[in-house]
Amino acid sequence: QPGTECTGGEPQITEVYLNTTFVVVPAIVVFLALATWAIRL
């Protein structure tokens, strides 16, 4: 699963978390792609 794998505890457990800051970057990428398309159009 995409994200950061965290392990710890007794018994040992593993969980994957997505860094919420990362979500901003694809949003910016989509915005730039749409803006480029709109300017060309």
Full PDB file with SEQRES, HELIX, SHEET, SSBOND, CRYST1, ORIGX, SCALE, CONECT and MASTER records, all heavy atoms in Angstrom:
SEQRES   1 A   41  GLN PRO GLY THR GLU CYS THR GLY GLY GLU PRO GLN ILE          
SEQRES   2 A   41  THR GLU VAL TYR LEU ASN THR THR PHE VAL VAL VAL PRO          
SEQRES   3 A   41  ALA ILE VAL VAL PHE LEU ALA LEU ALA THR TRP ALA ILE          
SEQRES   4 A   41  ARG LEU                                                      
HELIX    1 AA1 THR A   20  VAL A   23  5                                   4    
HELIX    2 AA2 VAL A   24  ARG A   40  1                                  17    
SHEET    1 AA1 2 THR A   4  GLY A   8  0                                        
SHEET    2 AA1 2 ILE A  13  TYR A  17 -1                                        
CRYST1    1.000    1.000    1.000  90.00  90.00  90.00 P 1           1          
ORIGX1      1.000000  0.000000  0.000000        0.00000                         
ORIGX2      0.000000  1.000000  0.000000        0.00000                         
ORIGX3      0.000000  0.000000  1.000000        0.00000                         
SCALE1      1.000000  0.000000  0.000000        0.00000                         
SCALE2      0.000000  1.000000  0.000000        0.00000                         
SCALE3      0.000000  0.000000  1.000000        0.00000                         
ATOM      1  N   GLN A   1       0.840  -1.165   0.000  1.00  0.00           N  
ATOM      2  CA  GLN A   1       0.000   0.000   0.000  1.00  0.00           C  
ATOM      3  C   GLN A   1       0.887   1.230   0.000  1.00  0.00           C  
ATOM      4  O   GLN A   1       1.842   1.278   0.758  1.00  0.00           O  
ATOM      5  CB  GLN A   1      -0.893   0.025   1.226  1.00  0.00           C  
ATOM      6  CG  GLN A   1      -1.748  -1.179   1.391  1.00  0.00           C  
ATOM      7  CD  GLN A   1      -2.428  -1.189   2.752  1.00  0.00           C  
ATOM      8  OE1 GLN A   1      -1.874  -0.761   3.742  1.00  0.00           O  
ATOM      9  NE2 GLN A   1      -3.638  -1.676   2.783  1.00  0.00           N  
ATOM     10  N   PRO A   2       0.574   2.221  -0.819  1.00  0.00           N  
ATOM     11  CA  PRO A   2       1.449   3.384  -0.919  1.00  0.00           C  
ATOM     12  C   PRO A   2       1.473   4.204   0.371  1.00  0.00           C  
ATOM     13  O   PRO A   2       0.438   4.465   0.958  1.00  0.00           O  
ATOM     14  CB  PRO A   2       0.854   4.181  -2.083  1.00  0.00           C  
ATOM     15  CG  PRO A   2      -0.544   3.701  -2.213  1.00  0.00           C  
ATOM     16  CD  PRO A   2      -0.575   2.297  -1.704  1.00  0.00           C  
ATOM     17  N   GLY A   3       2.667   4.569   0.787  1.00  0.00           N  
ATOM     18  CA  GLY A   3       2.817   5.404   1.979  1.00  0.00           C  
ATOM     19  C   GLY A   3       4.052   5.040   2.771  1.00  0.00           C  
ATOM     20  O   GLY A   3       5.032   4.550   2.238  1.00  0.00           O  
ATOM     21  N   THR A   4       3.986   5.279   4.065  1.00  0.00           N  
ATOM     22  CA  THR A   4       5.071   4.977   4.990  1.00  0.00           C  
ATOM     23  C   THR A   4       4.652   3.799   5.858  1.00  0.00           C  
ATOM     24  O   THR A   4       3.600   3.821   6.478  1.00  0.00           O  
ATOM     25  CB  THR A   4       5.366   6.187   5.901  1.00  0.00           C  
ATOM     26  OG1 THR A   4       5.709   7.304   5.078  1.00  0.00           O  
ATOM     27  CG2 THR A   4       6.498   5.905   6.855  1.00  0.00           C  
ATOM     28  N   GLU A   5       5.480   2.768   5.890  1.00  0.00           N  
ATOM     29  CA  GLU A   5       5.191   1.583   6.696  1.00  0.00           C  
ATOM     30  C   GLU A   5       5.786   1.759   8.089  1.00  0.00           C  
ATOM     31  O   GLU A   5       6.985   1.958   8.248  1.00  0.00           O  
ATOM     32  CB  GLU A   5       5.792   0.348   6.036  1.00  0.00           C  
ATOM     33  CG  GLU A   5       5.498  -0.930   6.760  1.00  0.00           C  
ATOM     34  CD  GLU A   5       6.069  -2.129   6.035  1.00  0.00           C  
ATOM     35  OE1 GLU A   5       5.939  -2.207   4.810  1.00  0.00           O  
ATOM     36  OE2 GLU A   5       6.667  -2.977   6.724  1.00  0.00           O  
ATOM     37  N   CYS A   6       4.937   1.707   9.106  1.00  0.00           N  
ATOM     38  CA  CYS A   6       5.354   1.877  10.494  1.00  0.00           C  
ATOM     39  C   CYS A   6       5.178   0.541  11.218  1.00  0.00           C  
ATOM     40  O   CYS A   6       4.148  -0.109  11.075  1.00  0.00           O  
ATOM     41  CB  CYS A   6       4.507   2.947  11.176  1.00  0.00           C  
ATOM     42  SG  CYS A   6       4.545   4.544  10.344  1.00  0.00           S  
ATOM     43  N   THR A   7       6.178   0.164  11.992  1.00  0.00           N  
ATOM     44  CA  THR A   7       6.146  -1.101  12.717  1.00  0.00           C  
ATOM     45  C   THR A   7       6.493  -0.853  14.174  1.00  0.00           C  
ATOM     46  O   THR A   7       7.359  -0.046  14.487  1.00  0.00           O  
ATOM     47  CB  THR A   7       7.163  -2.096  12.120  1.00  0.00           C  
ATOM     48  OG1 THR A   7       6.894  -2.231  10.729  1.00  0.00           O  
ATOM     49  CG2 THR A   7       7.077  -3.447  12.777  1.00  0.00           C  
ATOM     50  N   GLY A   8       5.808  -1.547  15.082  1.00  0.00           N  
ATOM     51  CA  GLY A   8       6.128  -1.411  16.494  1.00  0.00           C  
ATOM     52  C   GLY A   8       5.161  -2.169  17.360  1.00  0.00           C  
ATOM     53  O   GLY A   8       4.218  -2.796  16.886  1.00  0.00           O  
ATOM     54  N   GLY A   9       5.408  -2.115  18.663  1.00  0.00           N  
ATOM     55  CA  GLY A   9       4.512  -2.726  19.634  1.00  0.00           C  
ATOM     56  C   GLY A   9       4.828  -4.176  19.930  1.00  0.00           C  
ATOM     57  O   GLY A   9       5.637  -4.806  19.276  1.00  0.00           O  
ATOM     58  N   GLU A  10       4.201  -4.684  20.949  1.00  0.00           N  
ATOM     59  CA  GLU A  10       4.280  -6.100  21.324  1.00  0.00           C  
ATOM     60  C   GLU A  10       2.871  -6.608  21.516  1.00  0.00           C  
ATOM     61  O   GLU A  10       2.190  -6.122  22.416  1.00  0.00           O  
ATOM     62  CB  GLU A  10       5.098  -6.286  22.605  1.00  0.00           C  
ATOM     63  CG  GLU A  10       6.573  -6.206  22.411  1.00  0.00           C  
ATOM     64  CD  GLU A  10       7.145  -7.292  21.510  1.00  0.00           C  
ATOM     65  OE1 GLU A  10       6.620  -8.436  21.521  1.00  0.00           O  
ATOM     66  OE2 GLU A  10       8.092  -6.998  20.789  1.00  0.00           O  
ATOM     67  N   PRO A  11       2.337  -7.495  20.779  1.00  0.00           N  
ATOM     68  CA  PRO A  11       2.979  -8.114  19.619  1.00  0.00           C  
ATOM     69  C   PRO A  11       3.170  -7.093  18.503  1.00  0.00           C  
ATOM     70  O   PRO A  11       2.448  -6.104  18.409  1.00  0.00           O  
ATOM     71  CB  PRO A  11       1.990  -9.195  19.184  1.00  0.00           C  
ATOM     72  CG  PRO A  11       0.673  -8.719  19.673  1.00  0.00           C  
ATOM     73  CD  PRO A  11       0.947  -7.949  20.938  1.00  0.00           C  
ATOM     74  N   GLN A  12       4.148  -7.363  17.659  1.00  0.00           N  
ATOM     75  CA  GLN A  12       4.514  -6.408  16.626  1.00  0.00           C  
ATOM     76  C   GLN A  12       3.382  -6.246  15.607  1.00  0.00           C  
ATOM     77  O   GLN A  12       2.835  -7.215  15.099  1.00  0.00           O  
ATOM     78  CB  GLN A  12       5.778  -6.875  15.916  1.00  0.00           C  
ATOM     79  CG  GLN A  12       6.325  -5.848  14.977  1.00  0.00           C  
ATOM     80  CD  GLN A  12       7.706  -6.212  14.485  1.00  0.00           C  
ATOM     81  OE1 GLN A  12       8.265  -7.221  14.864  1.00  0.00           O  
ATOM     82  NE2 GLN A  12       8.267  -5.383  13.646  1.00  0.00           N  
ATOM     83  N   ILE A  13       3.040  -4.980  15.336  1.00  0.00           N  
ATOM     84  CA  ILE A  13       2.027  -4.673  14.324  1.00  0.00           C  
ATOM     85  C   ILE A  13       2.634  -3.735  13.292  1.00  0.00           C  
ATOM     86  O   ILE A  13       3.570  -2.995  13.578  1.00  0.00           O  
ATOM     87  CB  ILE A  13       0.762  -4.041  14.946  1.00  0.00           C  
ATOM     88  CG1 ILE A  13       1.111  -2.780  15.735  1.00  0.00           C  
ATOM     89  CG2 ILE A  13       0.025  -5.019  15.814  1.00  0.00           C  
ATOM     90  CD1 ILE A  13      -0.097  -2.001  16.209  1.00  0.00           C  
ATOM     91  N   THR A  14       2.106  -3.811  12.091  1.00  0.00           N  
ATOM     92  CA  THR A  14       2.573  -2.969  10.991  1.00  0.00           C  
ATOM     93  C   THR A  14       1.379  -2.270  10.380  1.00  0.00           C  
ATOM     94  O   THR A  14       0.342  -2.880  10.151  1.00  0.00           O  
ATOM     95  CB  THR A  14       3.279  -3.829   9.922  1.00  0.00           C  
ATOM     96  OG1 THR A  14       4.386  -4.485  10.518  1.00  0.00           O  
ATOM     97  CG2 THR A  14       3.767  -2.969   8.775  1.00  0.00           C  
ATOM     98  N   GLU A  15       1.534  -0.993  10.135  1.00  0.00           N  
ATOM     99  CA  GLU A  15       0.468  -0.188   9.531  1.00  0.00           C  
ATOM    100  C   GLU A  15       1.104   0.743   8.503  1.00  0.00           C  
ATOM    101  O   GLU A  15       2.248   1.166   8.662  1.00  0.00           O  
ATOM    102  CB  GLU A  15      -0.246   0.619  10.614  1.00  0.00           C  
ATOM    103  CG  GLU A  15      -1.543   1.211  10.193  1.00  0.00           C  
ATOM    104  CD  GLU A  15      -2.633   0.168   9.962  1.00  0.00           C  
ATOM    105  OE1 GLU A  15      -2.739  -0.773  10.755  1.00  0.00           O  
ATOM    106  OE2 GLU A  15      -3.362   0.318   8.983  1.00  0.00           O  
ATOM    107  N   VAL A  16       0.370   1.049   7.443  1.00  0.00           N  
ATOM    108  CA  VAL A  16       0.868   1.952   6.404  1.00  0.00           C  
ATOM    109  C   VAL A  16       0.050   3.244   6.436  1.00  0.00           C  
ATOM    110  O   VAL A  16      -1.176   3.207   6.443  1.00  0.00           O  
ATOM    111  CB  VAL A  16       0.784   1.296   5.007  1.00  0.00           C  
ATOM    112  CG1 VAL A  16       1.219   2.282   3.929  1.00  0.00           C  
ATOM    113  CG2 VAL A  16       1.633   0.042   4.955  1.00  0.00           C  
ATOM    114  N   TYR A  17       0.762   4.372   6.484  1.00  0.00           N  
ATOM    115  CA  TYR A  17       0.127   5.690   6.504  1.00  0.00           C  
ATOM    116  C   TYR A  17       0.643   6.509   5.330  1.00  0.00           C  
ATOM    117  O   TYR A  17       1.832   6.470   5.019  1.00  0.00           O  
ATOM    118  CB  TYR A  17       0.463   6.439   7.800  1.00  0.00           C  
ATOM    119  CG  TYR A  17      -0.051   5.754   9.030  1.00  0.00           C  
ATOM    120  CD1 TYR A  17       0.759   4.921   9.776  1.00  0.00           C  
ATOM    121  CD2 TYR A  17      -1.360   5.930   9.448  1.00  0.00           C  
ATOM    122  CE1 TYR A  17       0.289   4.279  10.905  1.00  0.00           C  
ATOM    123  CE2 TYR A  17      -1.841   5.298  10.577  1.00  0.00           C  
ATOM    124  CZ  TYR A  17      -1.013   4.473  11.297  1.00  0.00           C  
ATOM    125  OH  TYR A  17      -1.486   3.841  12.417  1.00  0.00           O  
ATOM    126  N   LEU A  18      -0.243   7.255   4.703  1.00  0.00           N  
ATOM    127  CA  LEU A  18       0.152   8.152   3.625  1.00  0.00           C  
ATOM    128  C   LEU A  18       0.396   9.535   4.218  1.00  0.00           C  
ATOM    129  O   LEU A  18      -0.449  10.062   4.936  1.00  0.00           O  
ATOM    130  CB  LEU A  18      -0.945   8.229   2.560  1.00  0.00           C  
ATOM    131  CG  LEU A  18      -0.634   9.080   1.334  1.00  0.00           C  
ATOM    132  CD1 LEU A  18       0.572   8.522   0.581  1.00  0.00           C  
ATOM    133  CD2 LEU A  18      -1.830   9.136   0.411  1.00  0.00           C  
ATOM    134  N   ASN A  19       1.562  10.099   3.926  1.00  0.00           N  
ATOM    135  CA  ASN A  19       1.885  11.441   4.394  1.00  0.00           C  
ATOM    136  C   ASN A  19       0.923  12.417   3.724  1.00  0.00           C  
ATOM    137  O   ASN A  19       0.897  12.545   2.498  1.00  0.00           O  
ATOM    138  CB  ASN A  19       3.336  11.785   4.047  1.00  0.00           C  
ATOM    139  CG  ASN A  19       3.807  13.061   4.677  1.00  0.00           C  
ATOM    140  OD1 ASN A  19       3.012  13.942   4.990  1.00  0.00           O  
ATOM    141  ND2 ASN A  19       5.104  13.169   4.879  1.00  0.00           N  
ATOM    142  N   THR A  20       0.108  13.097   4.517  1.00  0.00           N  
ATOM    143  CA  THR A  20      -0.932  13.963   3.955  1.00  0.00           C  
ATOM    144  C   THR A  20      -0.367  15.139   3.166  1.00  0.00           C  
ATOM    145  O   THR A  20      -1.041  15.663   2.279  1.00  0.00           O  
ATOM    146  CB  THR A  20      -1.857  14.490   5.067  1.00  0.00           C  
ATOM    147  OG1 THR A  20      -1.069  15.113   6.070  1.00  0.00           O  
ATOM    148  CG2 THR A  20      -2.656  13.353   5.672  1.00  0.00           C  
ATOM    149  N   THR A  21       0.857  15.534   3.448  1.00  0.00           N  
ATOM    150  CA  THR A  21       1.486  16.612   2.686  1.00  0.00           C  
ATOM    151  C   THR A  21       1.652  16.200   1.228  1.00  0.00           C  
ATOM    152  O   THR A  21       1.567  17.035   0.325  1.00  0.00           O  
ATOM    153  CB  THR A  21       2.854  16.978   3.278  1.00  0.00           C  
ATOM    154  OG1 THR A  21       2.704  17.213   4.673  1.00  0.00           O  
ATOM    155  CG2 THR A  21       3.443  18.200   2.617  1.00  0.00           C  
ATOM    156  N   PHE A  22       1.864  14.910   0.985  1.00  0.00           N  
ATOM    157  CA  PHE A  22       2.058  14.417  -0.376  1.00  0.00           C  
ATOM    158  C   PHE A  22       0.845  14.684  -1.261  1.00  0.00           C  
ATOM    159  O   PHE A  22       0.978  14.879  -2.468  1.00  0.00           O  
ATOM    160  CB  PHE A  22       2.373  12.920  -0.367  1.00  0.00           C  
ATOM    161  CG  PHE A  22       2.277  12.295  -1.722  1.00  0.00           C  
ATOM    162  CD1 PHE A  22       3.210  12.586  -2.698  1.00  0.00           C  
ATOM    163  CD2 PHE A  22       1.241  11.444  -2.043  1.00  0.00           C  
ATOM    164  CE1 PHE A  22       3.110  12.033  -3.964  1.00  0.00           C  
ATOM    165  CE2 PHE A  22       1.130  10.882  -3.297  1.00  0.00           C  
ATOM    166  CZ  PHE A  22       2.075  11.178  -4.260  1.00  0.00           C  
ATOM    167  N   VAL A  23      -0.345  14.695  -0.697  1.00  0.00           N  
ATOM    168  CA  VAL A  23      -1.568  14.878  -1.479  1.00  0.00           C  
ATOM    169  C   VAL A  23      -1.571  16.237  -2.188  1.00  0.00           C  
ATOM    170  O   VAL A  23      -2.142  16.392  -3.269  1.00  0.00           O  
ATOM    171  CB  VAL A  23      -2.809  14.718  -0.578  1.00  0.00           C  
ATOM    172  CG1 VAL A  23      -4.089  14.977  -1.330  1.00  0.00           C  
ATOM    173  CG2 VAL A  23      -2.812  13.327   0.041  1.00  0.00           C  
ATOM    174  N   VAL A  24      -0.892  17.216  -1.630  1.00  0.00           N  
ATOM    175  CA  VAL A  24      -0.852  18.556  -2.215  1.00  0.00           C  
ATOM    176  C   VAL A  24      -0.122  18.542  -3.562  1.00  0.00           C  
ATOM    177  O   VAL A  24      -0.533  19.213  -4.503  1.00  0.00           O  
ATOM    178  CB  VAL A  24      -0.172  19.543  -1.238  1.00  0.00           C  
ATOM    179  CG1 VAL A  24       0.059  20.890  -1.875  1.00  0.00           C  
ATOM    180  CG2 VAL A  24      -0.998  19.660   0.029  1.00  0.00           C  
ATOM    181  N   VAL A  25       0.936  17.753  -3.670  1.00  0.00           N  
ATOM    182  CA  VAL A  25       1.753  17.766  -4.889  1.00  0.00           C  
ATOM    183  C   VAL A  25       0.971  17.272  -6.114  1.00  0.00           C  
ATOM    184  O   VAL A  25       0.965  17.952  -7.147  1.00  0.00           O  
ATOM    185  CB  VAL A  25       3.062  16.972  -4.683  1.00  0.00           C  
ATOM    186  CG1 VAL A  25       3.847  16.878  -5.977  1.00  0.00           C  
ATOM    187  CG2 VAL A  25       3.896  17.636  -3.601  1.00  0.00           C  
ATOM    188  N   PRO A  26       0.284  16.113  -6.061  1.00  0.00           N  
ATOM    189  CA  PRO A  26      -0.504  15.732  -7.239  1.00  0.00           C  
ATOM    190  C   PRO A  26      -1.600  16.741  -7.573  1.00  0.00           C  
ATOM    191  O   PRO A  26      -1.913  16.950  -8.749  1.00  0.00           O  
ATOM    192  CB  PRO A  26      -1.116  14.382  -6.853  1.00  0.00           C  
ATOM    193  CG  PRO A  26      -0.211  13.847  -5.815  1.00  0.00           C  
ATOM    194  CD  PRO A  26       0.301  15.041  -5.076  1.00  0.00           C  
ATOM    195  N   ALA A  27      -2.170  17.380  -6.558  1.00  0.00           N  
ATOM    196  CA  ALA A  27      -3.185  18.403  -6.825  1.00  0.00           C  
ATOM    197  C   ALA A  27      -2.579  19.565  -7.611  1.00  0.00           C  
ATOM    198  O   ALA A  27      -3.201  20.081  -8.554  1.00  0.00           O  
ATOM    199  CB  ALA A  27      -3.788  18.892  -5.516  1.00  0.00           C  
ATOM    200  N   ILE A  28      -1.380  19.970  -7.254  1.00  0.00           N  
ATOM    201  CA  ILE A  28      -0.696  21.037  -7.982  1.00  0.00           C  
ATOM    202  C   ILE A  28      -0.369  20.582  -9.399  1.00  0.00           C  
ATOM    203  O   ILE A  28      -0.530  21.344 -10.361  1.00  0.00           O  
ATOM    204  CB  ILE A  28       0.579  21.480  -7.230  1.00  0.00           C  
ATOM    205  CG1 ILE A  28       0.201  22.201  -5.942  1.00  0.00           C  
ATOM    206  CG2 ILE A  28       1.460  22.367  -8.111  1.00  0.00           C  
ATOM    207  CD1 ILE A  28       1.368  22.485  -5.016  1.00  0.00           C  
ATOM    208  N   VAL A  29       0.074  19.335  -9.540  1.00  0.00           N  
ATOM    209  CA  VAL A  29       0.398  18.797 -10.865  1.00  0.00           C  
ATOM    210  C   VAL A  29      -0.837  18.801 -11.763  1.00  0.00           C  
ATOM    211  O   VAL A  29      -0.776  19.215 -12.927  1.00  0.00           O  
ATOM    212  CB  VAL A  29       1.003  17.384 -10.734  1.00  0.00           C  
ATOM    213  CG1 VAL A  29       1.082  16.692 -12.078  1.00  0.00           C  
ATOM    214  CG2 VAL A  29       2.375  17.450 -10.087  1.00  0.00           C  
ATOM    215  N   VAL A  30      -1.970  18.352 -11.241  1.00  0.00           N  
ATOM    216  CA  VAL A  30      -3.214  18.350 -12.024  1.00  0.00           C  
ATOM    217  C   VAL A  30      -3.606  19.779 -12.392  1.00  0.00           C  
ATOM    218  O   VAL A  30      -3.997  20.050 -13.533  1.00  0.00           O  
ATOM    219  CB  VAL A  30      -4.344  17.637 -11.246  1.00  0.00           C  
ATOM    220  CG1 VAL A  30      -5.695  17.869 -11.900  1.00  0.00           C  
ATOM    221  CG2 VAL A  30      -4.054  16.154 -11.134  1.00  0.00           C  
ATOM    222  N   PHE A  31      -3.485  20.698 -11.448  1.00  0.00           N  
ATOM    223  CA  PHE A  31      -3.806  22.101 -11.724  1.00  0.00           C  
ATOM    224  C   PHE A  31      -2.924  22.649 -12.844  1.00  0.00           C  
ATOM    225  O   PHE A  31      -3.414  23.320 -13.757  1.00  0.00           O  
ATOM    226  CB  PHE A  31      -3.644  22.946 -10.456  1.00  0.00           C  
ATOM    227  CG  PHE A  31      -3.803  24.414 -10.711  1.00  0.00           C  
ATOM    228  CD1 PHE A  31      -5.068  24.962 -10.883  1.00  0.00           C  
ATOM    229  CD2 PHE A  31      -2.696  25.238 -10.808  1.00  0.00           C  
ATOM    230  CE1 PHE A  31      -5.217  26.321 -11.138  1.00  0.00           C  
ATOM    231  CE2 PHE A  31      -2.835  26.593 -11.060  1.00  0.00           C  
ATOM    232  CZ  PHE A  31      -4.103  27.136 -11.225  1.00  0.00           C  
ATOM    233  N   LEU A  32      -1.614  22.382 -12.795  1.00  0.00           N  
ATOM    234  CA  LEU A  32      -0.704  22.874 -13.829  1.00  0.00           C  
ATOM    235  C   LEU A  32      -1.028  22.272 -15.189  1.00  0.00           C  
ATOM    236  O   LEU A  32      -0.984  22.963 -16.214  1.00  0.00           O  
ATOM    237  CB  LEU A  32       0.745  22.582 -13.443  1.00  0.00           C  
ATOM    238  CG  LEU A  32       1.307  23.387 -12.276  1.00  0.00           C  
ATOM    239  CD1 LEU A  32       2.708  22.903 -11.931  1.00  0.00           C  
ATOM    240  CD2 LEU A  32       1.315  24.869 -12.608  1.00  0.00           C  
ATOM    241  N   ALA A  33      -1.350  20.991 -15.213  1.00  0.00           N  
ATOM    242  CA  ALA A  33      -1.701  20.336 -16.477  1.00  0.00           C  
ATOM    243  C   ALA A  33      -2.974  20.946 -17.066  1.00  0.00           C  
ATOM    244  O   ALA A  33      -3.041  21.221 -18.275  1.00  0.00           O  
ATOM    245  CB  ALA A  33      -1.866  18.838 -16.262  1.00  0.00           C  
ATOM    246  N   LEU A  34      -3.981  21.163 -16.233  1.00  0.00           N  
ATOM    247  CA  LEU A  34      -5.226  21.764 -16.707  1.00  0.00           C  
ATOM    248  C   LEU A  34      -5.020  23.213 -17.159  1.00  0.00           C  
ATOM    249  O   LEU A  34      -5.600  23.656 -18.149  1.00  0.00           O  
ATOM    250  CB  LEU A  34      -6.301  21.693 -15.631  1.00  0.00           C  
ATOM    251  CG  LEU A  34      -6.854  20.294 -15.346  1.00  0.00           C  
ATOM    252  CD1 LEU A  34      -7.796  20.333 -14.147  1.00  0.00           C  
ATOM    253  CD2 LEU A  34      -7.547  19.730 -16.566  1.00  0.00           C  
ATOM    254  N   ALA A  35      -4.191  23.957 -16.425  1.00  0.00           N  
ATOM    255  CA  ALA A  35      -3.909  25.340 -16.801  1.00  0.00           C  
ATOM    256  C   ALA A  35      -3.179  25.398 -18.138  1.00  0.00           C  
ATOM    257  O   ALA A  35      -3.494  26.232 -18.995  1.00  0.00           O  
ATOM    258  CB  ALA A  35      -3.084  26.029 -15.712  1.00  0.00           C  
ATOM    259  N   THR A  36      -2.223  24.500 -18.346  1.00  0.00           N  
ATOM    260  CA  THR A  36      -1.506  24.430 -19.620  1.00  0.00           C  
ATOM    261  C   THR A  36      -2.469  24.127 -20.752  1.00  0.00           C  
ATOM    262  O   THR A  36      -2.420  24.752 -21.818  1.00  0.00           O  
ATOM    263  CB  THR A  36      -0.402  23.362 -19.551  1.00  0.00           C  
ATOM    264  OG1 THR A  36       0.488  23.677 -18.476  1.00  0.00           O  
ATOM    265  CG2 THR A  36       0.380  23.287 -20.843  1.00  0.00           C  
ATOM    266  N   TRP A  37      -3.355  23.176 -20.540  1.00  0.00           N  
ATOM    267  CA  TRP A  37      -4.343  22.814 -21.550  1.00  0.00           C  
ATOM    268  C   TRP A  37      -5.267  24.000 -21.856  1.00  0.00           C  
ATOM    269  O   TRP A  37      -5.551  24.285 -23.018  1.00  0.00           O  
ATOM    270  CB  TRP A  37      -5.140  21.606 -21.068  1.00  0.00           C  
ATOM    271  CG  TRP A  37      -6.287  21.267 -21.964  1.00  0.00           C  
ATOM    272  CD1 TRP A  37      -6.232  20.619 -23.154  1.00  0.00           C  
ATOM    273  CD2 TRP A  37      -7.658  21.588 -21.735  1.00  0.00           C  
ATOM    274  NE1 TRP A  37      -7.485  20.515 -23.676  1.00  0.00           N  
ATOM    275  CE2 TRP A  37      -8.382  21.102 -22.835  1.00  0.00           C  
ATOM    276  CE3 TRP A  37      -8.335  22.240 -20.707  1.00  0.00           C  
ATOM    277  CZ2 TRP A  37      -9.759  21.243 -22.932  1.00  0.00           C  
ATOM    278  CZ3 TRP A  37      -9.709  22.380 -20.801  1.00  0.00           C  
ATOM    279  CH2 TRP A  37     -10.407  21.883 -21.906  1.00  0.00           C  
ATOM    280  N   ALA A  38      -5.725  24.695 -20.814  1.00  0.00           N  
ATOM    281  CA  ALA A  38      -6.630  25.827 -21.008  1.00  0.00           C  
ATOM    282  C   ALA A  38      -5.950  26.961 -21.762  1.00  0.00           C  
ATOM    283  O   ALA A  38      -6.561  27.597 -22.634  1.00  0.00           O  
ATOM    284  CB  ALA A  38      -7.144  26.328 -19.659  1.00  0.00           C  
ATOM    285  N   ILE A  39      -4.698  27.226 -21.486  1.00  0.00           N  
ATOM    286  CA  ILE A  39      -3.958  28.282 -22.185  1.00  0.00           C  
ATOM    287  C   ILE A  39      -3.796  27.920 -23.660  1.00  0.00           C  
ATOM    288  O   ILE A  39      -3.996  28.750 -24.543  1.00  0.00           O  
ATOM    289  CB  ILE A  39      -2.594  28.535 -21.507  1.00  0.00           C  
ATOM    290  CG1 ILE A  39      -2.806  29.206 -20.150  1.00  0.00           C  
ATOM    291  CG2 ILE A  39      -1.682  29.378 -22.398  1.00  0.00           C  
ATOM    292  CD1 ILE A  39      -1.563  29.265 -19.287  1.00  0.00           C  
ATOM    293  N   ARG A  40      -3.444  26.673 -23.926  1.00  0.00           N  
ATOM    294  CA  ARG A  40      -3.297  26.241 -25.326  1.00  0.00           C  
ATOM    295  C   ARG A  40      -4.630  26.320 -26.063  1.00  0.00           C  
ATOM    296  O   ARG A  40      -4.676  26.717 -27.224  1.00  0.00           O  
ATOM    297  CB  ARG A  40      -2.747  24.821 -25.385  1.00  0.00           C  
ATOM    298  CG  ARG A  40      -1.300  24.748 -25.014  1.00  0.00           C  
ATOM    299  CD  ARG A  40      -0.779  23.356 -25.138  1.00  0.00           C  
ATOM    300  NE  ARG A  40       0.622  23.306 -24.758  1.00  0.00           N  
ATOM    301  CZ  ARG A  40       1.309  22.198 -24.620  1.00  0.00           C  
ATOM    302  NH1 ARG A  40       0.741  21.036 -24.843  1.00  0.00           N  
ATOM    303  NH2 ARG A  40       2.570  22.243 -24.272  1.00  0.00           N  
ATOM    304  N   LEU A  41      -5.703  25.949 -25.390  1.00  0.00           N  
ATOM    305  CA  LEU A  41      -7.023  26.010 -26.003  1.00  0.00           C  
ATOM    306  C   LEU A  41      -7.433  27.458 -26.276  1.00  0.00           C  
ATOM    307  O   LEU A  41      -8.016  27.761 -27.320  1.00  0.00           O  
ATOM    308  CB  LEU A  41      -8.056  25.330 -25.111  1.00  0.00           C  
ATOM    309  CG  LEU A  41      -9.471  25.218 -25.665  1.00  0.00           C  
ATOM    310  CD1 LEU A  41      -9.468  24.337 -26.911  1.00  0.00           C  
ATOM    311  CD2 LEU A  41     -10.399  24.642 -24.614  1.00  0.00           C  
TER     312      LEU A  41                                                      
MASTER        0    0    0    2    2    0    0    6  311    1    0    4          
END                                                                             
